[in-house]
């Protein structure tokens, strides 16, 4: 049983570690977020860590689902997991740009890159495991919403 769960545990821990590290390096800048002009539909701050924890866990589960096909679909798995790694890096960097640098326009451009990487990841995951791809739909929707918030914050706080 533990042998079957091990890839999921490792993968979820890696994804959550990226999210946790992102939160740690941006925590000093979070006060700024509460002080800037917020657009309509801005959720309460307490919602963000809850949603992101769920999304990072889903990312980890999806990556583990893909990894299970490494022997039967090695090239597809390799491509999918490389894009997954790029996704984690681009996601992490967005937080630095938005919160630490407060470069809201650049952050919006960067989040558009993140959306493109997420779509590519979903397409590549689907080739390997449709379930892994479907588990990324909430992430795609949330980042799309985050892009709206990011652009609105840029416009409202220029």
C-alpha atoms as a PDB file:
ATOM      1  CA  UNK A   1       0.000   0.000   0.000  1.00  0.00           C
ATOM      2  CA  UNK A   2       2.733   2.478   0.961  1.00  0.00           C
ATOM      3  CA  UNK A   3       4.615   1.600  -2.234  1.00  0.00           C
ATOM      4  CA  UNK A   4       1.578   2.663  -4.293  1.00  0.00           C
ATOM      5  CA  UNK A   5       1.123   5.877  -2.305  1.00  0.00           C
ATOM      6  CA  UNK A   6       4.791   6.852  -2.222  1.00  0.00           C
ATOM      7  CA  UNK A   7       4.857   8.595  -5.649  1.00  0.00           C
ATOM      8  CA  UNK A   8       1.744  10.572  -4.705  1.00  0.00           C
ATOM      9  CA  UNK A   9       3.139  11.586  -1.342  1.00  0.00           C
ATOM     10  CA  UNK A  10       6.471  12.663  -2.826  1.00  0.00           C
ATOM     11  CA  UNK A  11       4.834  14.526  -5.696  1.00  0.00           C
ATOM     12  CA  UNK A  12       2.341  16.355  -3.468  1.00  0.00           C
ATOM     13  CA  UNK A  13       5.112  17.268  -1.006  1.00  0.00           C
ATOM     14  CA  UNK A  14       7.216  18.710  -3.855  1.00  0.00           C
ATOM     15  CA  UNK A  15       4.300  20.787  -5.169  1.00  0.00           C
ATOM     16  CA  UNK A  16       3.341  21.991  -1.686  1.00  0.00           C
ATOM     17  CA  UNK A  17       7.001  22.814  -0.972  1.00  0.00           C
ATOM     18  CA  UNK A  18       7.108  25.074  -4.027  1.00  0.00           C
ATOM     19  CA  UNK A  19       3.911  26.768  -2.861  1.00  0.00           C
ATOM     20  CA  UNK A  20       5.200  27.032   0.695  1.00  0.00           C
ATOM     21  CA  UNK A  21       8.518  28.473  -0.423  1.00  0.00           C
ATOM     22  CA  UNK A  22       6.652  30.977  -2.580  1.00  0.00           C
ATOM     23  CA  UNK A  23       4.546  32.011   0.417  1.00  0.00           C
ATOM     24  CA  UNK A  24       7.635  32.272   2.608  1.00  0.00           C
ATOM     25  CA  UNK A  25       9.609  34.509   0.251  1.00  0.00           C
ATOM     26  CA  UNK A  26       6.637  36.784  -0.391  1.00  0.00           C
ATOM     27  CA  UNK A  27       5.234  36.920   3.146  1.00  0.00           C
ATOM     28  CA  UNK A  28       6.908  40.242   3.904  1.00  0.00           C
ATOM     29  CA  UNK A  29       5.114  41.831   0.953  1.00  0.00           C
ATOM     30  CA  UNK A  30       1.622  40.565   1.713  1.00  0.00           C
ATOM     31  CA  UNK A  31       0.759  43.677   3.742  1.00  0.00           C
ATOM     32  CA  UNK A  32       1.088  45.707   0.560  1.00  0.00           C
ATOM     33  CA  UNK A  33      -1.602  43.590  -1.082  1.00  0.00           C
ATOM     34  CA  UNK A  34      -4.116  44.463   1.624  1.00  0.00           C
ATOM     35  CA  UNK A  35      -3.308  48.178   1.272  1.00  0.00           C
ATOM     36  CA  UNK A  36      -3.707  48.557  -2.496  1.00  0.00           C
ATOM     37  CA  UNK A  37      -6.951  49.265  -4.324  1.00  0.00           C
ATOM     38  CA  UNK A  38      -8.794  45.991  -4.930  1.00  0.00           C
ATOM     39  CA  UNK A  39     -10.979  45.252  -7.947  1.00  0.00           C
ATOM     40  CA  UNK A  40     -14.546  43.969  -7.774  1.00  0.00           C
ATOM     41  CA  UNK A  41     -14.745  40.229  -7.007  1.00  0.00           C
ATOM     42  CA  UNK A  42     -11.558  40.294  -4.918  1.00  0.00           C
ATOM     43  CA  UNK A  43     -11.812  37.398  -2.486  1.00  0.00           C
ATOM     44  CA  UNK A  44     -10.856  37.775   1.168  1.00  0.00           C
ATOM     45  CA  UNK A  45      -7.147  37.231   1.831  1.00  0.00           C
ATOM     46  CA  UNK A  46      -7.811  34.113   3.921  1.00  0.00           C
ATOM     47  CA  UNK A  47      -9.097  32.328   0.804  1.00  0.00           C
ATOM     48  CA  UNK A  48      -5.784  32.469  -1.073  1.00  0.00           C
ATOM     49  CA  UNK A  49      -3.732  30.029   1.039  1.00  0.00           C
ATOM     50  CA  UNK A  50      -6.641  27.598   1.177  1.00  0.00           C
ATOM     51  CA  UNK A  51      -7.174  27.609  -2.583  1.00  0.00           C
ATOM     52  CA  UNK A  52      -3.474  27.465  -3.386  1.00  0.00           C
ATOM     53  CA  UNK A  53      -2.925  24.530  -1.024  1.00  0.00           C
ATOM     54  CA  UNK A  54      -5.674  22.588  -2.791  1.00  0.00           C
ATOM     55  CA  UNK A  55      -4.339  23.533  -6.230  1.00  0.00           C
ATOM     56  CA  UNK A  56      -0.752  22.566  -5.414  1.00  0.00           C
ATOM     57  CA  UNK A  57      -1.990  19.246  -3.995  1.00  0.00           C
ATOM     58  CA  UNK A  58      -3.931  18.616  -7.220  1.00  0.00           C
ATOM     59  CA  UNK A  59      -0.808  19.461  -9.235  1.00  0.00           C
ATOM     60  CA  UNK A  60       1.161  16.910  -7.254  1.00  0.00           C
ATOM     61  CA  UNK A  61      -1.497  14.225  -7.659  1.00  0.00           C
ATOM     62  CA  UNK A  62      -1.634  14.903 -11.400  1.00  0.00           C
ATOM     63  CA  UNK A  63       2.134  14.694 -11.767  1.00  0.00           C
ATOM     64  CA  UNK A  64       2.142  11.363  -9.912  1.00  0.00           C
ATOM     65  CA  UNK A  65      -0.627  10.049 -12.171  1.00  0.00           C
ATOM     66  CA  UNK A  66       1.488  10.979 -15.185  1.00  0.00           C
ATOM     67  CA  UNK A  67       4.640   9.488 -13.647  1.00  0.00           C
ATOM     68  CA  UNK A  68       2.927   6.108 -13.343  1.00  0.00           C
ATOM     69  CA  UNK A  69       3.011   5.821 -17.144  1.00  0.00           C
ATOM     70  CA  UNK A  70       6.796   6.355 -17.371  1.00  0.00           C
ATOM     71  CA  UNK A  71       7.402   2.823 -18.661  1.00  0.00           C
ATOM     72  CA  UNK A  72       4.578   2.622 -21.176  1.00  0.00           C
ATOM     73  CA  UNK A  73       4.764   6.216 -22.491  1.00  0.00           C
ATOM     74  CA  UNK A  74       8.286   7.425 -21.626  1.00  0.00           C
ATOM     75  CA  UNK A  75       8.541  10.264 -24.151  1.00  0.00           C
ATOM     76  CA  UNK A  76       5.097  11.662 -23.362  1.00  0.00           C
ATOM     77  CA  UNK A  77       5.744  11.409 -19.629  1.00  0.00           C
ATOM     78  CA  UNK A  78       9.119  13.125 -19.943  1.00  0.00           C
ATOM     79  CA  UNK A  79       7.624  16.000 -21.953  1.00  0.00           C
ATOM     80  CA  UNK A  80       4.662  16.368 -19.601  1.00  0.00           C
ATOM     81  CA  UNK A  81       6.798  16.395 -16.468  1.00  0.00           C
ATOM     82  CA  UNK A  82       9.279  18.874 -17.944  1.00  0.00           C
ATOM     83  CA  UNK A  83       6.420  21.268 -18.679  1.00  0.00           C
ATOM     84  CA  UNK A  84       5.065  20.582 -15.187  1.00  0.00           C
ATOM     85  CA  UNK A  85       8.434  21.639 -13.740  1.00  0.00           C
ATOM     86  CA  UNK A  86       8.423  24.767 -15.904  1.00  0.00           C
ATOM     87  CA  UNK A  87       4.902  25.460 -14.612  1.00  0.00           C
ATOM     88  CA  UNK A  88       6.072  25.291 -11.007  1.00  0.00           C
ATOM     89  CA  UNK A  89       8.976  27.648 -11.758  1.00  0.00           C
ATOM     90  CA  UNK A  90       6.845  30.165 -13.670  1.00  0.00           C
ATOM     91  CA  UNK A  91       4.221  30.071 -10.917  1.00  0.00           C
ATOM     92  CA  UNK A  92       6.877  30.686  -8.252  1.00  0.00           C
ATOM     93  CA  UNK A  93       8.425  33.585 -10.157  1.00  0.00           C
ATOM     94  CA  UNK A  94       5.037  35.263 -10.658  1.00  0.00           C
ATOM     95  CA  UNK A  95       4.693  35.623  -6.883  1.00  0.00           C
ATOM     96  CA  UNK A  96       8.064  37.359  -6.677  1.00  0.00           C
ATOM     97  CA  UNK A  97       7.192  39.733  -9.503  1.00  0.00           C
ATOM     98  CA  UNK A  98       3.744  40.562  -8.153  1.00  0.00           C
ATOM     99  CA  UNK A  99       4.309  40.689  -4.396  1.00  0.00           C
ATOM    100  CA  UNK A 100       7.995  41.448  -3.888  1.00  0.00           C
ATOM    101  CA  UNK A 101       8.669  43.645  -6.915  1.00  0.00           C
ATOM    102  CA  UNK A 102       5.103  45.034  -7.093  1.00  0.00           C
ATOM    103  CA  UNK A 103       5.602  45.170 -10.860  1.00  0.00           C
ATOM    104  CA  UNK A 104       1.928  44.635 -11.626  1.00  0.00           C
ATOM    105  CA  UNK A 105       2.076  45.079 -15.399  1.00  0.00           C
ATOM    106  CA  UNK A 106       5.065  42.757 -15.731  1.00  0.00           C
ATOM    107  CA  UNK A 107       3.323  40.312 -13.399  1.00  0.00           C
ATOM    108  CA  UNK A 108       0.274  40.384 -15.687  1.00  0.00           C
ATOM    109  CA  UNK A 109       2.430  39.606 -18.717  1.00  0.00           C
ATOM    110  CA  UNK A 110       4.113  36.844 -16.704  1.00  0.00           C
ATOM    111  CA  UNK A 111       0.760  35.362 -15.653  1.00  0.00           C
ATOM    112  CA  UNK A 112      -0.203  35.183 -19.334  1.00  0.00           C
ATOM    113  CA  UNK A 113       2.940  33.070 -19.799  1.00  0.00           C
ATOM    114  CA  UNK A 114       1.826  30.952 -16.846  1.00  0.00           C
ATOM    115  CA  UNK A 115      -1.585  30.438 -18.453  1.00  0.00           C
ATOM    116  CA  UNK A 116       0.083  29.297 -21.681  1.00  0.00           C
ATOM    117  CA  UNK A 117       2.272  26.861 -19.740  1.00  0.00           C
ATOM    118  CA  UNK A 118      -0.770  25.523 -17.854  1.00  0.00           C
ATOM    119  CA  UNK A 119      -2.635  24.916 -21.114  1.00  0.00           C
ATOM    120  CA  UNK A 120       0.423  23.148 -22.558  1.00  0.00           C
ATOM    121  CA  UNK A 121       0.698  21.081 -19.370  1.00  0.00           C
ATOM    122  CA  UNK A 122      -2.966  20.074 -19.567  1.00  0.00           C
ATOM    123  CA  UNK A 123      -2.576  19.039 -23.221  1.00  0.00           C
ATOM    124  CA  UNK A 124       0.535  16.982 -22.438  1.00  0.00           C
ATOM    125  CA  UNK A 125      -1.003  15.461 -19.307  1.00  0.00           C
ATOM    126  CA  UNK A 126      -4.079  14.448 -21.309  1.00  0.00           C
ATOM    127  CA  UNK A 127      -1.913  12.428 -23.723  1.00  0.00           C
ATOM    128  CA  UNK A 128      -0.739  10.387 -20.758  1.00  0.00           C
ATOM    129  CA  UNK A 129      -3.644  10.472 -18.296  1.00  0.00           C
ATOM    130  CA  UNK A 130      -6.916  12.283 -18.968  1.00  0.00           C
ATOM    131  CA  UNK A 131      -7.633  12.307 -15.228  1.00  0.00           C
ATOM    132  CA  UNK A 132      -4.341  14.122 -14.590  1.00  0.00           C
ATOM    133  CA  UNK A 133      -5.362  16.734 -17.153  1.00  0.00           C
ATOM    134  CA  UNK A 134      -8.860  17.174 -15.730  1.00  0.00           C
ATOM    135  CA  UNK A 135      -7.454  17.692 -12.236  1.00  0.00           C
ATOM    136  CA  UNK A 136      -5.702  20.807 -13.594  1.00  0.00           C
ATOM    137  CA  UNK A 137      -8.905  22.534 -14.724  1.00  0.00           C
ATOM    138  CA  UNK A 138      -9.457  24.225 -11.311  1.00  0.00           C
ATOM    139  CA  UNK A 139      -5.869  25.506 -11.485  1.00  0.00           C
ATOM    140  CA  UNK A 140      -6.441  26.922 -14.974  1.00  0.00           C
ATOM    141  CA  UNK A 141      -9.655  28.609 -13.841  1.00  0.00           C
ATOM    142  CA  UNK A 142      -8.064  30.056 -10.692  1.00  0.00           C
ATOM    143  CA  UNK A 143      -5.057  31.434 -12.569  1.00  0.00           C
ATOM    144  CA  UNK A 144      -7.408  32.942 -15.152  1.00  0.00           C
ATOM    145  CA  UNK A 145      -9.222  34.650 -12.272  1.00  0.00           C
ATOM    146  CA  UNK A 146      -5.857  35.686 -10.814  1.00  0.00           C
ATOM    147  CA  UNK A 147      -4.966  37.231 -14.179  1.00  0.00           C
ATOM    148  CA  UNK A 148      -8.136  39.324 -13.993  1.00  0.00           C
ATOM    149  CA  UNK A 149      -7.227  40.415 -10.447  1.00  0.00           C
ATOM    150  CA  UNK A 150      -3.640  41.138 -11.502  1.00  0.00           C
ATOM    151  CA  UNK A 151      -4.671  43.303 -14.464  1.00  0.00           C
ATOM    152  CA  UNK A 152      -7.321  45.135 -12.435  1.00  0.00           C
ATOM    153  CA  UNK A 153      -4.826  45.811  -9.656  1.00  0.00           C
ATOM    154  CA  UNK A 154      -2.403  47.234 -12.201  1.00  0.00           C
ATOM    155  CA  UNK A 155      -5.100  49.500 -13.657  1.00  0.00           C
ATOM    156  CA  UNK A 156      -6.417  50.629 -10.263  1.00  0.00           C
ATOM    157  CA  UNK A 157      -2.996  51.288  -8.726  1.00  0.00           C
ATOM    158  CA  UNK A 158      -1.036  53.014 -11.500  1.00  0.00           C
END
